Amino acid sequence: MDFDWSLYSTPETPPAEVQESFEDPFCLRILPGAGPMAEHSRFLCLGKCFSGKSLFSLYSSDGKKMRPVASRPMTEAESYFYERKAKEAL
């Protein structure tokens, strides 16, 4: 998977950690059904990097490249949702 970092605007989270969270086998990629994010082809990814840090990322994609826009640590509710879905996948 190729990444384009030209849109990325979160210096607090290194790009390497964001990329690792996208490669998490249990990562959740969420496609919004309506609203501004759907209109601008923005998607969400919840995943963990190798260090165990849980990340919530906003990105766009053209099918060939992932373009992360921003990333932050998951909230408690997002982390609970991620963990629940990961257990369902086992």
C-alpha atoms as a PDB file:
ATOM      1  CA  MET A   1       0.000   0.000   0.000  1.00  0.00           C
ATOM      2  CA  ASP A   2       1.445   3.367  -1.020  1.00  0.00           C
ATOM      3  CA  PHE A   3       1.025   6.457   1.120  1.00  0.00           C
ATOM      4  CA  ASP A   4       0.918  10.090   0.035  1.00  0.00           C
ATOM      5  CA  TRP A   5       1.712  12.380   2.984  1.00  0.00           C
ATOM      6  CA  SER A   6       1.080  15.689   1.165  1.00  0.00           C
ATOM      7  CA  LEU A   7      -2.236  16.268   3.016  1.00  0.00           C
ATOM      8  CA  TYR A   8      -1.034  15.099   6.445  1.00  0.00           C
ATOM      9  CA  SER A   9      -1.276  17.781   9.130  1.00  0.00           C
ATOM     10  CA  THR A  10      -0.617  16.106  12.495  1.00  0.00           C
ATOM     11  CA  PRO A  11       3.032  16.475  13.550  1.00  0.00           C
ATOM     12  CA  GLU A  12       2.306  14.980  17.021  1.00  0.00           C
ATOM     13  CA  THR A  13       1.777  11.545  15.453  1.00  0.00           C
ATOM     14  CA  PRO A  14       4.683  10.353  13.281  1.00  0.00           C
ATOM     15  CA  PRO A  15       3.752   9.073   9.799  1.00  0.00           C
ATOM     16  CA  ALA A  16       5.393   5.713  10.577  1.00  0.00           C
ATOM     17  CA  GLU A  17       2.917   5.082  13.421  1.00  0.00           C
ATOM     18  CA  VAL A  18      -0.017   6.051  11.207  1.00  0.00           C
ATOM     19  CA  GLN A  19       1.169   3.683   8.484  1.00  0.00           C
ATOM     20  CA  GLU A  20       1.529   0.877  11.041  1.00  0.00           C
ATOM     21  CA  SER A  21      -2.058   1.468  12.215  1.00  0.00           C
ATOM     22  CA  PHE A  22      -3.310   1.003   8.644  1.00  0.00           C
ATOM     23  CA  GLU A  23      -1.423  -2.303   8.441  1.00  0.00           C
ATOM     24  CA  ASP A  24      -2.995  -3.585  11.686  1.00  0.00           C
ATOM     25  CA  PRO A  25      -4.789  -6.853  10.795  1.00  0.00           C
ATOM     26  CA  PHE A  26      -7.760  -5.760  12.944  1.00  0.00           C
ATOM     27  CA  CYS A  27      -7.934  -2.149  11.741  1.00  0.00           C
ATOM     28  CA  LEU A  28     -11.392  -0.852  11.007  1.00  0.00           C
ATOM     29  CA  ARG A  29     -11.915   1.236   7.901  1.00  0.00           C
ATOM     30  CA  ILE A  30     -15.159   3.133   8.082  1.00  0.00           C
ATOM     31  CA  LEU A  31     -16.879   4.639   5.064  1.00  0.00           C
ATOM     32  CA  PRO A  32     -19.340   7.398   5.974  1.00  0.00           C
ATOM     33  CA  GLY A  33     -22.723   7.085   4.286  1.00  0.00           C
ATOM     34  CA  ALA A  34     -23.590  10.785   4.091  1.00  0.00           C
ATOM     35  CA  GLY A  35     -22.521  14.230   5.199  1.00  0.00           C
ATOM     36  CA  PRO A  36     -19.438  16.326   4.555  1.00  0.00           C
ATOM     37  CA  MET A  37     -16.986  13.438   4.908  1.00  0.00           C
ATOM     38  CA  ALA A  38     -18.799  11.398   2.260  1.00  0.00           C
ATOM     39  CA  GLU A  39     -19.034  14.406  -0.040  1.00  0.00           C
ATOM     40  CA  HIS A  40     -15.257  14.924   0.134  1.00  0.00           C
ATOM     41  CA  SER A  41     -14.376  11.204  -0.066  1.00  0.00           C
ATOM     42  CA  ARG A  42     -12.959  11.082   3.453  1.00  0.00           C
ATOM     43  CA  PHE A  43     -12.735   7.813   5.344  1.00  0.00           C
ATOM     44  CA  LEU A  44     -11.872   6.769   8.915  1.00  0.00           C
ATOM     45  CA  CYS A  45      -9.392   4.189  10.137  1.00  0.00           C
ATOM     46  CA  LEU A  46      -9.133   2.830  13.676  1.00  0.00           C
ATOM     47  CA  GLY A  47      -6.005   0.775  14.228  1.00  0.00           C
ATOM     48  CA  LYS A  48      -3.009   0.112  16.446  1.00  0.00           C
ATOM     49  CA  CYS A  49       0.644   0.714  15.677  1.00  0.00           C
ATOM     50  CA  PHE A  50       3.344  -1.795  16.688  1.00  0.00           C
ATOM     51  CA  SER A  51       3.943  -0.035  20.005  1.00  0.00           C
ATOM     52  CA  GLY A  52       0.292  -0.641  20.954  1.00  0.00           C
ATOM     53  CA  LYS A  53      -0.829   2.984  20.551  1.00  0.00           C
ATOM     54  CA  SER A  54      -4.442   3.149  19.293  1.00  0.00           C
ATOM     55  CA  LEU A  55      -4.948   5.686  16.505  1.00  0.00           C
ATOM     56  CA  PHE A  56      -7.980   7.270  14.868  1.00  0.00           C
ATOM     57  CA  SER A  57      -7.092   8.543  11.380  1.00  0.00           C
ATOM     58  CA  LEU A  58      -8.911  10.540   8.743  1.00  0.00           C
ATOM     59  CA  TYR A  59      -7.799   9.779   5.188  1.00  0.00           C
ATOM     60  CA  SER A  60      -8.726   9.874   1.534  1.00  0.00           C
ATOM     61  CA  SER A  61      -7.885   7.296  -1.100  1.00  0.00           C
ATOM     62  CA  ASP A  62      -8.088   6.861  -4.844  1.00  0.00           C
ATOM     63  CA  GLY A  63      -7.774   3.077  -4.614  1.00  0.00           C
ATOM     64  CA  LYS A  64      -4.029   3.151  -5.273  1.00  0.00           C
ATOM     65  CA  LYS A  65      -2.721   5.528  -2.611  1.00  0.00           C
ATOM     66  CA  MET A  66      -3.732   6.253   0.951  1.00  0.00           C
ATOM     67  CA  ARG A  67      -3.654   9.951   1.792  1.00  0.00           C
ATOM     68  CA  PRO A  68      -3.776  10.434   5.572  1.00  0.00           C
ATOM     69  CA  VAL A  69      -5.109  13.874   6.502  1.00  0.00           C
ATOM     70  CA  ALA A  70      -4.979  13.798  10.317  1.00  0.00           C
ATOM     71  CA  SER A  71      -4.523  11.337  13.160  1.00  0.00           C
ATOM     72  CA  ARG A  72      -5.002  11.310  16.929  1.00  0.00           C
ATOM     73  CA  PRO A  73      -5.195   8.809  19.786  1.00  0.00           C
ATOM     74  CA  MET A  74      -8.534   6.985  20.004  1.00  0.00           C
ATOM     75  CA  THR A  75     -11.036   8.094  22.620  1.00  0.00           C
ATOM     76  CA  GLU A  76     -12.180   5.582  25.230  1.00  0.00           C
ATOM     77  CA  ALA A  77     -15.401   4.906  23.274  1.00  0.00           C
ATOM     78  CA  GLU A  78     -13.507   4.428  19.994  1.00  0.00           C
ATOM     79  CA  SER A  79     -11.035   2.097  21.686  1.00  0.00           C
ATOM     80  CA  TYR A  80     -13.896   0.051  23.148  1.00  0.00           C
ATOM     81  CA  PHE A  81     -15.534  -0.176  19.689  1.00  0.00           C
ATOM     82  CA  TYR A  82     -12.213  -1.253  18.112  1.00  0.00           C
ATOM     83  CA  GLU A  83     -11.592  -3.927  20.770  1.00  0.00           C
ATOM     84  CA  ARG A  84     -15.150  -5.260  20.470  1.00  0.00           C
ATOM     85  CA  LYS A  85     -14.865  -5.554  16.669  1.00  0.00           C
ATOM     86  CA  ALA A  86     -11.419  -7.175  16.935  1.00  0.00           C
ATOM     87  CA  LYS A  87     -12.825  -9.844  19.266  1.00  0.00           C
ATOM     88  CA  GLU A  88     -15.722 -10.467  16.865  1.00  0.00           C
ATOM     89  CA  ALA A  89     -13.207 -11.084  14.067  1.00  0.00           C
ATOM     90  CA  LEU A  90     -11.442 -13.881  16.002  1.00  0.00           C
END
